[in-house]
Amino acid sequence: MRLRKLISNAHAFRNERDWKQYHSSRNVALSVVLEAAELLEIFQWKSDRECEELLNDPAVRQNISDELADIFLYILLMADDLDIDLVEAAERKMKKNAEKYPVAKAKGKALKYNQL
């Protein structure tokens, strides 16, 4: 129920600004990638240790939170516009992944399924 309310609020925000005209599937997919790049930029050129230390900074955590929210909102809007139930899609994908990456073969390995 909370998810449906968030989607409704995202639609209202977009509609109040007449931005639906810019939200083709292609444009929203591009926006997901661009926002993901902004998230990645936070960690760019830093070692794993430096990244861990960054996470102790409340301002950095807020920035990460904002970027994740941007990505999430675009994904929600796109899925809703395309009539895709994200929970159902995620559950279906997890089943596929479980078949491609059985625990006995994949546990502790960072290999693609065709390399297991």
N, C-alpha and C. Protein backbone atom coordinates (compact mmCIF):
# COMPACT_ATOMS: atom_id res chain seq x y z
N MET A 1 0.83 -1.19 0.00
CA MET A 1 0.00 0.00 0.00
C MET A 1 0.88 1.26 0.00
N ARG A 2 1.95 1.23 0.74
CA ARG A 2 2.85 2.37 0.82
C ARG A 2 3.49 2.65 -0.54
N LEU A 3 3.81 1.59 -1.25
CA LEU A 3 4.41 1.73 -2.58
C LEU A 3 3.43 2.39 -3.54
N ARG A 4 2.19 1.98 -3.51
CA ARG A 4 1.16 2.55 -4.38
C ARG A 4 1.02 4.05 -4.11
N LYS A 5 1.08 4.45 -2.85
CA LYS A 5 0.97 5.87 -2.48
C LYS A 5 2.16 6.66 -3.01
N LEU A 6 3.36 6.08 -2.92
CA LEU A 6 4.55 6.73 -3.44
C LEU A 6 4.46 6.91 -4.95
N ILE A 7 3.99 5.89 -5.64
CA ILE A 7 3.81 5.99 -7.10
C ILE A 7 2.80 7.08 -7.43
N SER A 8 1.72 7.11 -6.69
CA SER A 8 0.70 8.15 -6.89
C SER A 8 1.28 9.54 -6.67
N ASN A 9 2.07 9.70 -5.62
CA ASN A 9 2.71 11.00 -5.34
C ASN A 9 3.71 11.38 -6.43
N ALA A 10 4.44 10.40 -6.95
CA ALA A 10 5.40 10.68 -8.03
C ALA A 10 4.67 11.12 -9.29
N HIS A 11 3.54 10.46 -9.58
CA HIS A 11 2.73 10.88 -10.73
C HIS A 11 2.20 12.30 -10.54
N ALA A 12 1.72 12.59 -9.34
CA ALA A 12 1.18 13.93 -9.07
C ALA A 12 2.28 14.99 -9.23
N PHE A 13 3.45 14.72 -8.71
CA PHE A 13 4.59 15.64 -8.84
C PHE A 13 4.89 15.88 -10.32
N ARG A 14 4.96 14.80 -11.08
CA ARG A 14 5.26 14.91 -12.51
C ARG A 14 4.15 15.66 -13.25
N ASN A 15 2.91 15.32 -12.95
CA ASN A 15 1.78 15.93 -13.66
C ASN A 15 1.63 17.41 -13.35
N GLU A 16 1.90 17.81 -12.10
CA GLU A 16 1.80 19.21 -11.73
C GLU A 16 2.79 20.07 -12.53
N ARG A 17 3.85 19.47 -12.97
CA ARG A 17 4.89 20.19 -13.71
C ARG A 17 4.82 19.94 -15.22
N ASP A 18 3.83 19.16 -15.64
CA ASP A 18 3.64 18.81 -17.05
C ASP A 18 4.91 18.16 -17.63
N TRP A 19 5.49 17.25 -16.88
CA TRP A 19 6.72 16.58 -17.32
C TRP A 19 6.47 15.23 -17.98
N LYS A 20 5.24 14.74 -17.98
CA LYS A 20 4.95 13.45 -18.61
C LYS A 20 5.41 13.46 -20.07
N GLN A 21 5.29 14.62 -20.71
CA GLN A 21 5.69 14.74 -22.12
C GLN A 21 7.16 14.39 -22.35
N TYR A 22 7.97 14.49 -21.31
CA TYR A 22 9.40 14.19 -21.43
C TYR A 22 9.74 12.77 -20.98
N HIS A 23 8.76 12.06 -20.44
CA HIS A 23 9.02 10.77 -19.81
C HIS A 23 8.71 9.58 -20.72
N SER A 24 9.26 9.60 -21.92
CA SER A 24 9.18 8.40 -22.74
C SER A 24 9.99 7.31 -22.06
N SER A 25 9.75 6.07 -22.42
CA SER A 25 10.52 4.97 -21.83
C SER A 25 12.02 5.18 -22.04
N ARG A 26 12.39 5.62 -23.22
CA ARG A 26 13.80 5.85 -23.52
C ARG A 26 14.38 6.93 -22.60
N ASN A 27 13.67 8.03 -22.45
CA ASN A 27 14.17 9.13 -21.62
C ASN A 27 14.27 8.74 -20.15
N VAL A 28 13.30 7.99 -19.67
CA VAL A 28 13.35 7.58 -18.26
C VAL A 28 14.47 6.57 -18.06
N ALA A 29 14.66 5.65 -19.01
CA ALA A 29 15.77 4.70 -18.91
C ALA A 29 17.11 5.45 -18.89
N LEU A 30 17.23 6.46 -19.73
CA LEU A 30 18.45 7.28 -19.71
C LEU A 30 18.63 7.97 -18.36
N SER A 31 17.54 8.45 -17.80
CA SER A 31 17.61 9.14 -16.51
C SER A 31 18.05 8.19 -15.39
N VAL A 32 17.60 6.93 -15.45
CA VAL A 32 18.04 5.94 -14.46
C VAL A 32 19.56 5.80 -14.53
N VAL A 33 20.09 5.69 -15.74
CA VAL A 33 21.54 5.54 -15.90
C VAL A 33 22.28 6.79 -15.44
N LEU A 34 21.77 7.95 -15.78
CA LEU A 34 22.42 9.19 -15.37
C LEU A 34 22.44 9.36 -13.85
N GLU A 35 21.33 9.03 -13.21
CA GLU A 35 21.27 9.12 -11.75
C GLU A 35 22.18 8.07 -11.11
N ALA A 36 22.26 6.88 -11.71
CA ALA A 36 23.17 5.85 -11.20
C ALA A 36 24.61 6.32 -11.33
N ALA A 37 24.92 7.03 -12.40
CA ALA A 37 26.27 7.58 -12.57
C ALA A 37 26.57 8.62 -11.49
N GLU A 38 25.57 9.41 -11.11
CA GLU A 38 25.77 10.38 -10.03
C GLU A 38 26.04 9.66 -8.71
N LEU A 39 25.38 8.54 -8.49
CA LEU A 39 25.65 7.72 -7.30
C LEU A 39 27.07 7.18 -7.35
N LEU A 40 27.46 6.67 -8.49
CA LEU A 40 28.80 6.11 -8.65
C LEU A 40 29.88 7.17 -8.47
N GLU A 41 29.59 8.38 -8.89
CA GLU A 41 30.56 9.47 -8.80
C GLU A 41 31.00 9.73 -7.34
N ILE A 42 30.12 9.46 -6.40
CA ILE A 42 30.45 9.65 -4.99
C ILE A 42 31.66 8.79 -4.60
N PHE A 43 31.76 7.62 -5.23
CA PHE A 43 32.80 6.66 -4.88
C PHE A 43 33.98 6.66 -5.84
N GLN A 44 33.89 7.47 -6.88
CA GLN A 44 34.90 7.48 -7.93
C GLN A 44 36.28 7.82 -7.37
N TRP A 45 37.28 7.08 -7.83
CA TRP A 45 38.69 7.30 -7.52
C TRP A 45 39.04 7.06 -6.05
N LYS A 46 38.19 6.37 -5.33
CA LYS A 46 38.45 6.09 -3.93
C LYS A 46 38.69 4.59 -3.73
N SER A 47 39.54 4.28 -2.78
CA SER A 47 39.78 2.87 -2.44
C SER A 47 38.57 2.34 -1.67
N ASP A 48 38.51 1.03 -1.51
CA ASP A 48 37.43 0.45 -0.72
C ASP A 48 37.43 1.02 0.70
N ARG A 49 38.60 1.20 1.27
CA ARG A 49 38.69 1.75 2.63
C ARG A 49 38.17 3.19 2.68
N GLU A 50 38.58 3.99 1.70
CA GLU A 50 38.09 5.38 1.65
C GLU A 50 36.57 5.42 1.50
N CYS A 51 36.04 4.51 0.73
CA CYS A 51 34.58 4.45 0.55
C CYS A 51 33.89 4.11 1.86
N GLU A 52 34.44 3.17 2.60
CA GLU A 52 33.87 2.82 3.90
C GLU A 52 33.91 4.01 4.86
N GLU A 53 35.01 4.75 4.82
CA GLU A 53 35.13 5.93 5.68
C GLU A 53 34.13 7.01 5.28
N LEU A 54 33.88 7.13 3.99
CA LEU A 54 32.90 8.11 3.50
C LEU A 54 31.53 7.89 4.12
N LEU A 55 31.19 6.63 4.33
CA LEU A 55 29.87 6.29 4.82
C LEU A 55 29.63 6.75 6.26
N ASN A 56 30.69 7.19 6.93
CA ASN A 56 30.55 7.75 8.28
C ASN A 56 30.15 9.22 8.26
N ASP A 57 30.20 9.84 7.09
CA ASP A 57 29.90 11.26 6.95
C ASP A 57 28.39 11.42 6.67
N PRO A 58 27.65 12.05 7.58
CA PRO A 58 26.21 12.21 7.38
C PRO A 58 25.85 12.92 6.07
N ALA A 59 26.65 13.88 5.65
CA ALA A 59 26.34 14.60 4.39
C ALA A 59 26.49 13.67 3.20
N VAL A 60 27.49 12.83 3.22
CA VAL A 60 27.69 11.87 2.13
C VAL A 60 26.55 10.86 2.12
N ARG A 61 26.19 10.37 3.29
CA ARG A 61 25.06 9.42 3.39
C ARG A 61 23.77 10.04 2.86
N GLN A 62 23.57 11.33 3.14
CA GLN A 62 22.38 12.02 2.63
C GLN A 62 22.42 12.11 1.11
N ASN A 63 23.59 12.41 0.58
CA ASN A 63 23.76 12.48 -0.87
C ASN A 63 23.48 11.12 -1.51
N ILE A 64 23.99 10.05 -0.91
CA ILE A 64 23.72 8.69 -1.41
C ILE A 64 22.23 8.41 -1.35
N SER A 65 21.60 8.77 -0.25
CA SER A 65 20.16 8.58 -0.09
C SER A 65 19.38 9.31 -1.19
N ASP A 66 19.77 10.55 -1.47
CA ASP A 66 19.10 11.33 -2.51
C ASP A 66 19.26 10.68 -3.88
N GLU A 67 20.46 10.22 -4.20
CA GLU A 67 20.69 9.60 -5.51
C GLU A 67 19.92 8.28 -5.64
N LEU A 68 19.91 7.48 -4.57
CA LEU A 68 19.13 6.24 -4.60
C LEU A 68 17.64 6.54 -4.78
N ALA A 69 17.17 7.58 -4.12
CA ALA A 69 15.76 7.95 -4.25
C ALA A 69 15.43 8.38 -5.67
N ASP A 70 16.32 9.15 -6.30
CA ASP A 70 16.10 9.55 -7.70
C ASP A 70 15.98 8.32 -8.60
N ILE A 71 16.90 7.39 -8.44
CA ILE A 71 16.89 6.16 -9.24
C ILE A 71 15.59 5.39 -8.99
N PHE A 72 15.25 5.23 -7.73
CA PHE A 72 14.06 4.49 -7.35
C PHE A 72 12.79 5.11 -7.93
N LEU A 73 12.69 6.43 -7.86
CA LEU A 73 11.50 7.10 -8.38
C LEU A 73 11.37 6.94 -9.89
N TYR A 74 12.47 7.08 -10.61
CA TYR A 74 12.41 6.85 -12.06
C TYR A 74 12.00 5.42 -12.37
N ILE A 75 12.54 4.47 -11.64
CA ILE A 75 12.18 3.07 -11.87
C ILE A 75 10.70 2.84 -11.58
N LEU A 76 10.21 3.41 -10.48
CA LEU A 76 8.79 3.26 -10.15
C LEU A 76 7.90 3.85 -11.24
N LEU A 77 8.24 5.04 -11.70
CA LEU A 77 7.43 5.67 -12.74
C LEU A 77 7.45 4.85 -14.03
N MET A 78 8.62 4.40 -14.42
CA MET A 78 8.73 3.63 -15.66
C MET A 78 7.94 2.32 -15.57
N ALA A 79 8.10 1.63 -14.46
CA ALA A 79 7.38 0.37 -14.28
C ALA A 79 5.88 0.60 -14.31
N ASP A 80 5.43 1.64 -13.64
CA ASP A 80 4.00 1.93 -13.62
C ASP A 80 3.50 2.32 -15.01
N ASP A 81 4.25 3.15 -15.70
CA ASP A 81 3.87 3.54 -17.06
C ASP A 81 3.78 2.34 -18.00
N LEU A 82 4.64 1.34 -17.76
CA LEU A 82 4.66 0.14 -18.61
C LEU A 82 3.82 -1.00 -18.04
N ASP A 83 3.10 -0.71 -16.95
CA ASP A 83 2.23 -1.70 -16.29
C ASP A 83 3.01 -2.95 -15.88
N ILE A 84 4.16 -2.72 -15.26
CA ILE A 84 4.99 -3.81 -14.75
C ILE A 84 4.91 -3.78 -13.23
N ASP A 85 4.52 -4.90 -12.66
CA ASP A 85 4.49 -5.05 -11.20
C ASP A 85 5.91 -5.38 -10.77
N LEU A 86 6.58 -4.41 -10.15
CA LEU A 86 7.98 -4.58 -9.79
C LEU A 86 8.21 -5.69 -8.77
N VAL A 87 7.30 -5.85 -7.83
CA VAL A 87 7.46 -6.92 -6.84
C VAL A 87 7.38 -8.27 -7.53
N GLU A 88 6.40 -8.42 -8.38
CA GLU A 88 6.25 -9.67 -9.14
C GLU A 88 7.47 -9.91 -10.04
N ALA A 89 7.92 -8.86 -10.71
CA ALA A 89 9.08 -8.98 -11.60
C ALA A 89 10.33 -9.37 -10.81
N ALA A 90 10.52 -8.76 -9.64
CA ALA A 90 11.69 -9.07 -8.81
C ALA A 90 11.63 -10.50 -8.30
N GLU A 91 10.46 -10.95 -7.89
CA GLU A 91 10.32 -12.34 -7.42
C GLU A 91 10.62 -13.32 -8.55
N ARG A 92 10.11 -13.04 -9.74
CA ARG A 92 10.35 -13.89 -10.91
C ARG A 92 11.84 -13.92 -11.24
N LYS A 93 12.48 -12.75 -11.19
CA LYS A 93 13.91 -12.66 -11.51
C LYS A 93 14.75 -13.41 -10.48
N MET A 94 14.37 -13.33 -9.22
CA MET A 94 15.11 -14.06 -8.18
C MET A 94 15.03 -15.56 -8.40
N LYS A 95 13.88 -16.06 -8.86
CA LYS A 95 13.74 -17.49 -9.18
C LYS A 95 14.67 -17.86 -10.33
N LYS A 96 14.70 -17.02 -11.37
CA LYS A 96 15.61 -17.26 -12.50
C LYS A 96 17.06 -17.27 -12.02
N ASN A 97 17.41 -16.30 -11.18
CA ASN A 97 18.78 -16.22 -10.68
C ASN A 97 19.14 -17.44 -9.85
N ALA A 98 18.19 -17.94 -9.07
CA ALA A 98 18.44 -19.13 -8.25
C ALA A 98 18.73 -20.34 -9.13
N GLU A 99 18.08 -20.42 -10.28
CA GLU A 99 18.34 -21.51 -11.21
C GLU A 99 19.70 -21.34 -11.89
N LYS A 100 20.05 -20.11 -12.25
CA LYS A 100 21.32 -19.84 -12.92
C LYS A 100 22.51 -19.92 -11.97
N TYR A 101 22.26 -19.63 -10.70
CA TYR A 101 23.33 -19.60 -9.70
C TYR A 101 22.99 -20.51 -8.52
N PRO A 102 22.97 -21.83 -8.73
CA PRO A 102 22.67 -22.72 -7.61
C PRO A 102 23.75 -22.59 -6.52
N VAL A 103 23.32 -22.66 -5.28
CA VAL A 103 24.23 -22.48 -4.15
C VAL A 103 25.44 -23.40 -4.26
N ALA A 104 25.21 -24.65 -4.61
CA ALA A 104 26.30 -25.62 -4.67
C ALA A 104 27.41 -25.21 -5.64
N LYS A 105 27.05 -24.50 -6.68
CA LYS A 105 28.05 -24.07 -7.67
C LYS A 105 28.53 -22.64 -7.45
N ALA A 106 27.67 -21.78 -6.95
CA ALA A 106 27.97 -20.35 -6.93
C ALA A 106 28.47 -19.82 -5.59
N LYS A 107 28.27 -20.54 -4.53
CA LYS A 107 28.59 -20.01 -3.20
C LYS A 107 30.06 -19.58 -3.11
N GLY A 108 30.26 -18.31 -2.76
CA GLY A 108 31.59 -17.76 -2.57
C GLY A 108 32.34 -17.46 -3.85
N LYS A 109 31.66 -17.53 -4.99
CA LYS A 109 32.32 -17.30 -6.27
C LYS A 109 31.71 -16.10 -6.97
N ALA A 110 32.54 -15.27 -7.54
CA ALA A 110 32.07 -14.08 -8.27
C ALA A 110 32.20 -14.35 -9.77
N LEU A 111 31.56 -15.43 -10.21
CA LEU A 111 31.61 -15.83 -11.62
C LEU A 111 30.23 -15.71 -12.23
N LYS A 112 30.21 -15.44 -13.53
CA LYS A 112 28.94 -15.43 -14.25
C LYS A 112 28.46 -16.87 -14.38
N TYR A 113 27.13 -17.02 -14.47
CA TYR A 113 26.52 -18.35 -14.47
C TYR A 113 27.11 -19.29 -15.51
N ASN A 114 27.52 -18.75 -16.66
CA ASN A 114 28.05 -19.62 -17.72
C ASN A 114 29.51 -20.01 -17.46
N GLN A 115 30.08 -19.54 -16.36
CA GLN A 115 31.45 -19.88 -16.00
C GLN A 115 31.51 -20.79 -14.77
N LEU A 116 30.37 -21.09 -14.20
CA LEU A 116 30.33 -21.94 -13.00
C LEU A 116 30.55 -23.40 -13.37
